Amino acid sequence: MGCVTEARRVQLTGDLAGDFIIEHVFPDGRMLVRPNDSAAAMNARNGLAPATLDEFEAEHGPVAPPDGEG
């Protein structure tokens, strides 16, 4: 297979767990992987989720309508 031209994801479990991207597959079947560095994957690793509108407004006040709307 050689060089991976399109990102392929794998989920690892055990001592090393999480969402990874396959960087390279060697002829003998070994794989070089790296952590998935997408925003969604990093948020999942850190137990984070986007704030709801209610949570945002509780922290920062009401969200105004876009300019020109009213």
C-alpha atoms as a PDB file:
ATOM      1  CA  MET A   1       0.000   0.000   0.000  1.00  0.00           C
ATOM      2  CA  GLY A   2       2.861   2.405   0.753  1.00  0.00           C
ATOM      3  CA  CYS A   3       2.106   6.077   1.150  1.00  0.00           C
ATOM      4  CA  VAL A   4      -1.461   6.818   2.254  1.00  0.00           C
ATOM      5  CA  THR A   5      -2.810   9.554  -0.010  1.00  0.00           C
ATOM      6  CA  GLU A   6      -6.184   9.950   1.676  1.00  0.00           C
ATOM      7  CA  ALA A   7      -6.592  10.274   5.439  1.00  0.00           C
ATOM      8  CA  ARG A   8      -7.777   7.014   6.985  1.00  0.00           C
ATOM      9  CA  ARG A   9      -8.871   6.917  10.594  1.00  0.00           C
ATOM     10  CA  VAL A  10      -8.462   4.156  13.156  1.00  0.00           C
ATOM     11  CA  GLN A  11      -9.664   3.847  16.746  1.00  0.00           C
ATOM     12  CA  LEU A  12      -7.113   2.416  19.166  1.00  0.00           C
ATOM     13  CA  THR A  13      -7.927   0.938  22.565  1.00  0.00           C
ATOM     14  CA  GLY A  14      -5.666  -0.258  25.343  1.00  0.00           C
ATOM     15  CA  ASP A  15      -2.661   1.559  26.774  1.00  0.00           C
ATOM     16  CA  LEU A  16      -2.823   3.964  23.836  1.00  0.00           C
ATOM     17  CA  ALA A  17      -6.426   4.842  23.012  1.00  0.00           C
ATOM     18  CA  GLY A  18      -8.194   7.333  20.802  1.00  0.00           C
ATOM     19  CA  ASP A  19      -8.786   8.492  17.263  1.00  0.00           C
ATOM     20  CA  PHE A  20      -5.709   8.239  15.003  1.00  0.00           C
ATOM     21  CA  ILE A  21      -4.855   8.872  11.347  1.00  0.00           C
ATOM     22  CA  ILE A  22      -2.839   6.336   9.338  1.00  0.00           C
ATOM     23  CA  GLU A  23       0.187   8.182   7.904  1.00  0.00           C
ATOM     24  CA  HIS A  24       1.913   5.289   6.141  1.00  0.00           C
ATOM     25  CA  VAL A  25       1.482   1.553   5.647  1.00  0.00           C
ATOM     26  CA  PHE A  26       4.733  -0.340   5.124  1.00  0.00           C
ATOM     27  CA  PRO A  27       5.009  -3.375   2.824  1.00  0.00           C
ATOM     28  CA  ASP A  28       5.276  -5.687   5.861  1.00  0.00           C
ATOM     29  CA  GLY A  29       1.936  -4.391   7.229  1.00  0.00           C
ATOM     30  CA  ARG A  30       3.293  -2.077   9.918  1.00  0.00           C
ATOM     31  CA  MET A  31       1.540   1.280  10.129  1.00  0.00           C
ATOM     32  CA  LEU A  32       2.705   4.720  11.119  1.00  0.00           C
ATOM     33  CA  VAL A  33      -0.147   6.536  12.880  1.00  0.00           C
ATOM     34  CA  ARG A  34      -0.565   9.976  14.423  1.00  0.00           C
ATOM     35  CA  PRO A  35      -3.246  11.438  16.666  1.00  0.00           C
ATOM     36  CA  ASN A  36      -6.198  12.911  14.807  1.00  0.00           C
ATOM     37  CA  ASP A  37      -5.626  16.654  15.186  1.00  0.00           C
ATOM     38  CA  SER A  38      -9.038  17.818  13.968  1.00  0.00           C
ATOM     39  CA  ALA A  39     -10.910  20.191  16.281  1.00  0.00           C
ATOM     40  CA  ALA A  40     -13.662  17.606  16.822  1.00  0.00           C
ATOM     41  CA  ALA A  41     -11.158  14.883  17.797  1.00  0.00           C
ATOM     42  CA  MET A  42      -9.248  17.189  20.164  1.00  0.00           C
ATOM     43  CA  ASN A  43     -12.508  18.283  21.819  1.00  0.00           C
ATOM     44  CA  ALA A  44     -13.556  14.639  22.249  1.00  0.00           C
ATOM     45  CA  ARG A  45     -10.162  13.710  23.786  1.00  0.00           C
ATOM     46  CA  ASN A  46     -10.515  16.550  26.284  1.00  0.00           C
ATOM     47  CA  GLY A  47     -14.176  15.949  27.078  1.00  0.00           C
ATOM     48  CA  LEU A  48     -15.240  19.269  25.553  1.00  0.00           C
ATOM     49  CA  ALA A  49     -18.397  20.140  23.640  1.00  0.00           C
ATOM     50  CA  PRO A  50     -19.611  23.395  22.077  1.00  0.00           C
ATOM     51  CA  ALA A  51     -21.686  25.576  24.366  1.00  0.00           C
ATOM     52  CA  THR A  52     -25.422  25.676  23.812  1.00  0.00           C
ATOM     53  CA  LEU A  53     -27.008  29.047  23.066  1.00  0.00           C
ATOM     54  CA  ASP A  54     -28.421  29.117  26.607  1.00  0.00           C
ATOM     55  CA  GLU A  55     -24.975  28.442  28.123  1.00  0.00           C
ATOM     56  CA  PHE A  56     -23.371  31.102  25.920  1.00  0.00           C
ATOM     57  CA  GLU A  57     -25.992  33.719  26.764  1.00  0.00           C
ATOM     58  CA  ALA A  58     -25.738  32.925  30.492  1.00  0.00           C
ATOM     59  CA  GLU A  59     -22.011  33.656  30.317  1.00  0.00           C
ATOM     60  CA  HIS A  60     -21.922  36.549  27.816  1.00  0.00           C
ATOM     61  CA  GLY A  61     -25.432  38.006  27.571  1.00  0.00           C
ATOM     62  CA  PRO A  62     -28.002  37.850  24.776  1.00  0.00           C
ATOM     63  CA  VAL A  63     -26.849  37.323  21.227  1.00  0.00           C
ATOM     64  CA  ALA A  64     -27.847  40.289  19.035  1.00  0.00           C
ATOM     65  CA  PRO A  65     -29.370  39.697  15.599  1.00  0.00           C
ATOM     66  CA  PRO A  66     -27.073  40.125  12.591  1.00  0.00           C
ATOM     67  CA  ASP A  67     -26.642  43.697  11.295  1.00  0.00           C
ATOM     68  CA  GLY A  68     -29.619  44.868   9.266  1.00  0.00           C
ATOM     69  CA  GLU A  69     -32.062  42.529  10.995  1.00  0.00           C
ATOM     70  CA  GLY A  70     -34.134  43.581  13.772  1.00  0.00           C
END
